[in-house]
Amino acid sequence: MRCKSIILLTIAFLALPLVAYGKGGVAEQGHYSAPWTYTQDYSGWGPACYYGQDVHVVYEATNTWTWVLYKNGDVRETLVQNGVARVYDMAGNLLDTRPFHVTERFFDAGGDVAIRNEYGGGAVWYQVSHNPYSVKLEDYYYVWKIPGVYDFRMINRNGAASCSWVSGDCEGGAWPPHLPHP
């Protein structure tokens, strides 16, 4: 009886990866990190509401991606950015320095929206094809945040998308964003 239990346990343990990855199995997966810099001017919205004036923000962070491409073409990606936001008035005077954070996750069944990017040194990552509103995108979640100053969110489930932001006493779109339940 004990031997039979061990055999059944061993078979169940060996079958676990097949259940975990579904029918398609994993074709490839990866992890990529790189420094990232972005600048944006805000006039009358976003962090400008918090500071009470138009602002120029310099974002510096480390991008960290993880991704899985399944044999059936499905793509699952997670991006995390952690860094700093330097906020300047439009004359170039530093007003504030704050932490900065982004989280992006998406699932694209069949890979019809995801774009593969390749860089020298073997680095690979996936992104949504500049259309996070696509009806072909099964699940998308994006948060861009300067904690206490600015919070931007976008979510999409099969084309049912919502995008909104809040900063100081201002907000754009319906806050917080809502999606229908799956």
Protein backbone atom coordinates (compact mmCIF):
# COMPACT_ATOMS: atom_id res chain seq x y z
CA MET A 1 0.00 0.00 0.00
CA ARG A 2 2.82 2.37 0.88
CA CYS A 3 4.61 1.70 -2.44
CA LYS A 4 1.36 2.30 -4.35
CA SER A 5 0.93 5.68 -2.62
CA ILE A 6 4.49 6.70 -3.47
CA ILE A 7 3.98 5.72 -7.14
CA LEU A 8 0.72 7.70 -7.35
CA LEU A 9 2.35 10.69 -5.66
CA THR A 10 5.29 10.53 -8.10
CA ILE A 11 2.96 10.38 -11.14
CA ALA A 12 0.93 13.33 -9.80
CA PHE A 13 4.13 15.32 -9.19
CA LEU A 14 5.38 14.66 -12.74
CA ALA A 15 2.02 15.66 -14.26
CA LEU A 16 1.87 18.94 -12.31
CA PRO A 17 3.86 21.00 -14.87
CA LEU A 18 1.45 19.93 -17.63
CA VAL A 19 -1.51 21.18 -15.60
CA ALA A 20 0.26 24.38 -14.58
CA TYR A 21 1.14 25.41 -18.15
CA GLY A 22 -2.03 24.21 -19.82
CA LYS A 23 -2.22 22.48 -23.18
CA GLY A 24 0.21 24.78 -24.98
CA GLY A 25 3.25 24.45 -22.75
CA VAL A 26 5.97 27.10 -22.56
CA ALA A 27 7.83 27.85 -25.78
CA GLU A 28 10.14 30.41 -24.22
CA GLN A 29 10.34 32.77 -21.27
CA GLY A 30 12.65 35.47 -20.14
CA HIS A 31 13.64 38.27 -17.83
CA TYR A 32 15.14 41.60 -18.85
CA SER A 33 16.26 44.69 -16.90
CA ALA A 34 17.55 48.01 -18.17
CA PRO A 35 17.77 51.65 -17.11
CA TRP A 36 15.00 53.90 -18.44
CA THR A 37 14.50 57.68 -18.69
CA TYR A 38 11.41 59.57 -19.83
CA THR A 39 10.35 63.24 -19.68
CA GLN A 40 6.86 64.71 -19.87
CA ASP A 41 5.32 68.15 -19.58
CA TYR A 42 1.98 68.43 -17.79
CA SER A 43 -0.19 71.48 -18.41
CA GLY A 44 -3.45 71.69 -16.47
CA TRP A 45 -3.63 67.97 -15.68
CA GLY A 46 -1.75 65.22 -13.86
CA PRO A 47 1.02 66.45 -11.51
CA ALA A 48 0.33 70.05 -12.61
CA CYS A 49 -2.86 69.89 -10.51
CA TYR A 50 -0.93 68.83 -7.43
CA TYR A 51 1.73 71.55 -7.81
CA GLY A 52 -0.72 74.25 -8.92
CA GLN A 53 1.31 75.06 -12.05
CA ASP A 54 2.53 73.51 -15.29
CA VAL A 55 5.42 71.14 -14.62
CA HIS A 56 8.14 69.24 -16.45
CA VAL A 57 8.81 65.78 -14.96
CA VAL A 58 11.94 63.72 -15.55
CA TYR A 59 11.41 60.03 -14.76
CA GLU A 60 14.40 57.74 -14.18
CA ALA A 61 13.87 54.10 -13.31
CA THR A 62 14.94 50.54 -13.88
CA ASN A 63 12.67 48.57 -16.21
CA THR A 64 12.29 44.94 -15.25
CA TRP A 65 10.30 42.65 -17.56
CA THR A 66 9.34 39.04 -17.21
CA TRP A 67 7.51 37.29 -20.01
CA VAL A 68 6.28 33.91 -21.10
CA LEU A 69 5.47 32.88 -24.66
CA TYR A 70 3.40 29.71 -24.78
CA LYS A 71 3.55 27.20 -27.64
CA ASN A 72 -0.02 28.12 -28.63
CA GLY A 73 1.08 31.78 -29.14
CA ASP A 74 -0.32 33.20 -25.88
CA VAL A 75 1.86 35.90 -24.30
CA ARG A 76 1.96 36.90 -20.64
CA GLU A 77 4.10 39.90 -19.64
CA THR A 78 4.86 41.85 -16.47
CA LEU A 79 6.78 45.13 -16.38
CA VAL A 80 7.83 46.86 -13.18
CA GLN A 81 9.58 50.23 -13.05
CA ASN A 82 10.95 51.64 -9.82
CA GLY A 83 12.79 54.91 -9.71
CA VAL A 84 12.54 58.62 -9.10
CA ALA A 85 10.51 61.50 -10.54
CA ARG A 86 12.13 64.92 -10.55
CA VAL A 87 9.53 67.66 -10.89
CA TYR A 88 10.56 71.04 -12.35
CA ASP A 89 8.63 74.22 -12.99
CA MET A 90 8.61 75.33 -16.62
CA ALA A 91 11.58 77.65 -15.95
CA GLY A 92 13.71 74.62 -15.00
CA ASN A 93 13.72 75.04 -11.22
CA LEU A 94 13.55 71.80 -9.24
CA LEU A 95 10.31 71.71 -7.22
CA ASP A 96 10.31 68.19 -5.85
CA THR A 97 11.88 64.75 -6.02
CA ARG A 98 9.65 61.76 -5.35
CA PRO A 99 9.68 57.99 -5.80
CA PHE A 100 8.11 56.73 -9.02
CA HIS A 101 6.53 53.35 -9.77
CA VAL A 102 4.91 51.62 -12.75
CA THR A 103 3.30 48.20 -12.98
CA GLU A 104 2.07 46.78 -16.27
CA ARG A 105 0.66 43.29 -16.78
CA PHE A 106 -0.98 41.83 -19.81
CA PHE A 107 -2.22 38.55 -21.22
CA ASP A 108 -2.67 38.24 -24.98
CA ALA A 109 -4.24 34.95 -26.11
CA GLY A 110 -2.81 33.97 -29.47
CA GLY A 111 -0.25 36.79 -29.47
CA ASP A 112 -2.26 38.95 -31.89
CA VAL A 113 -1.53 42.22 -30.03
CA ALA A 114 1.86 41.61 -28.38
CA ILE A 115 5.03 42.77 -30.11
CA ARG A 116 8.34 41.02 -29.56
CA ASN A 117 11.34 43.31 -29.10
CA GLU A 118 14.93 42.13 -29.35
CA TYR A 119 18.05 43.99 -28.33
CA GLY A 120 21.73 43.26 -28.62
CA GLY A 121 23.11 40.79 -26.13
CA GLY A 122 20.13 38.47 -26.35
CA ALA A 123 17.67 40.65 -24.41
CA VAL A 124 14.03 40.04 -25.37
CA TRP A 125 10.80 41.57 -24.08
CA TYR A 126 7.19 41.93 -25.14
CA GLN A 127 4.90 44.94 -25.15
CA VAL A 128 1.34 45.73 -26.19
CA SER A 129 1.34 47.06 -29.76
CA HIS A 130 0.71 50.68 -28.73
CA ASN A 131 -3.02 49.92 -28.47
CA PRO A 132 -3.87 48.93 -24.91
CA TYR A 133 -7.55 49.54 -25.86
CA SER A 134 -7.58 46.66 -28.37
CA VAL A 135 -10.55 44.26 -28.23
CA LYS A 136 -8.00 41.53 -29.00
CA LEU A 137 -6.25 42.11 -25.66
CA GLU A 138 -7.66 39.68 -23.12
CA ASP A 139 -6.31 41.36 -19.98
CA TYR A 140 -4.33 44.56 -19.43
CA TYR A 141 -3.51 46.39 -16.18
CA TYR A 142 -1.34 49.52 -15.99
CA VAL A 143 -0.54 51.86 -13.08
CA TRP A 144 1.82 54.89 -13.32
CA LYS A 145 2.32 56.49 -9.94
CA ILE A 146 4.17 59.23 -8.13
CA PRO A 147 2.89 58.29 -4.65
CA GLY A 148 0.95 61.11 -3.01
CA VAL A 149 1.14 63.24 -6.18
CA TYR A 150 -0.17 61.45 -9.28
CA ASP A 151 -1.91 58.13 -9.95
CA PHE A 152 -2.73 57.07 -13.54
CA ARG A 153 -4.50 53.77 -14.22
CA MET A 154 -5.61 51.91 -17.31
CA ILE A 155 -7.32 48.55 -17.48
CA ASN A 156 -8.75 46.59 -20.40
CA ARG A 157 -10.50 43.27 -20.59
CA ASN A 158 -11.40 42.21 -24.14
CA GLY A 159 -11.91 45.82 -25.26
CA ALA A 160 -13.86 46.94 -22.17
CA ALA A 161 -11.32 49.61 -21.22
CA SER A 162 -11.11 52.31 -18.58
CA CYS A 163 -8.46 54.98 -18.19
CA SER A 164 -8.34 57.59 -15.43
CA TRP A 165 -6.03 59.62 -13.22
CA VAL A 166 -6.09 61.58 -9.98
CA SER A 167 -3.71 64.27 -8.70
CA GLY A 168 -4.31 66.72 -5.88
CA ASP A 169 -7.94 67.82 -6.12
CA CYS A 170 -8.17 66.97 -9.85
CA GLU A 171 -9.17 63.81 -11.64
CA GLY A 172 -9.62 62.75 -15.24
CA GLY A 173 -12.02 60.02 -16.25
CA ALA A 174 -14.03 58.07 -13.72
CA TRP A 175 -11.91 57.50 -10.64
CA PRO A 176 -11.15 54.78 -9.80
CA PRO A 177 -11.40 52.99 -13.14
CA HIS A 178 -13.85 50.10 -13.25
CA LEU A 179 -14.31 47.13 -15.56
CA PRO A 180 -17.11 44.61 -15.79
CA HIS A 181 -16.43 41.30 -14.06
CA PRO A 182 -15.24 38.53 -16.39
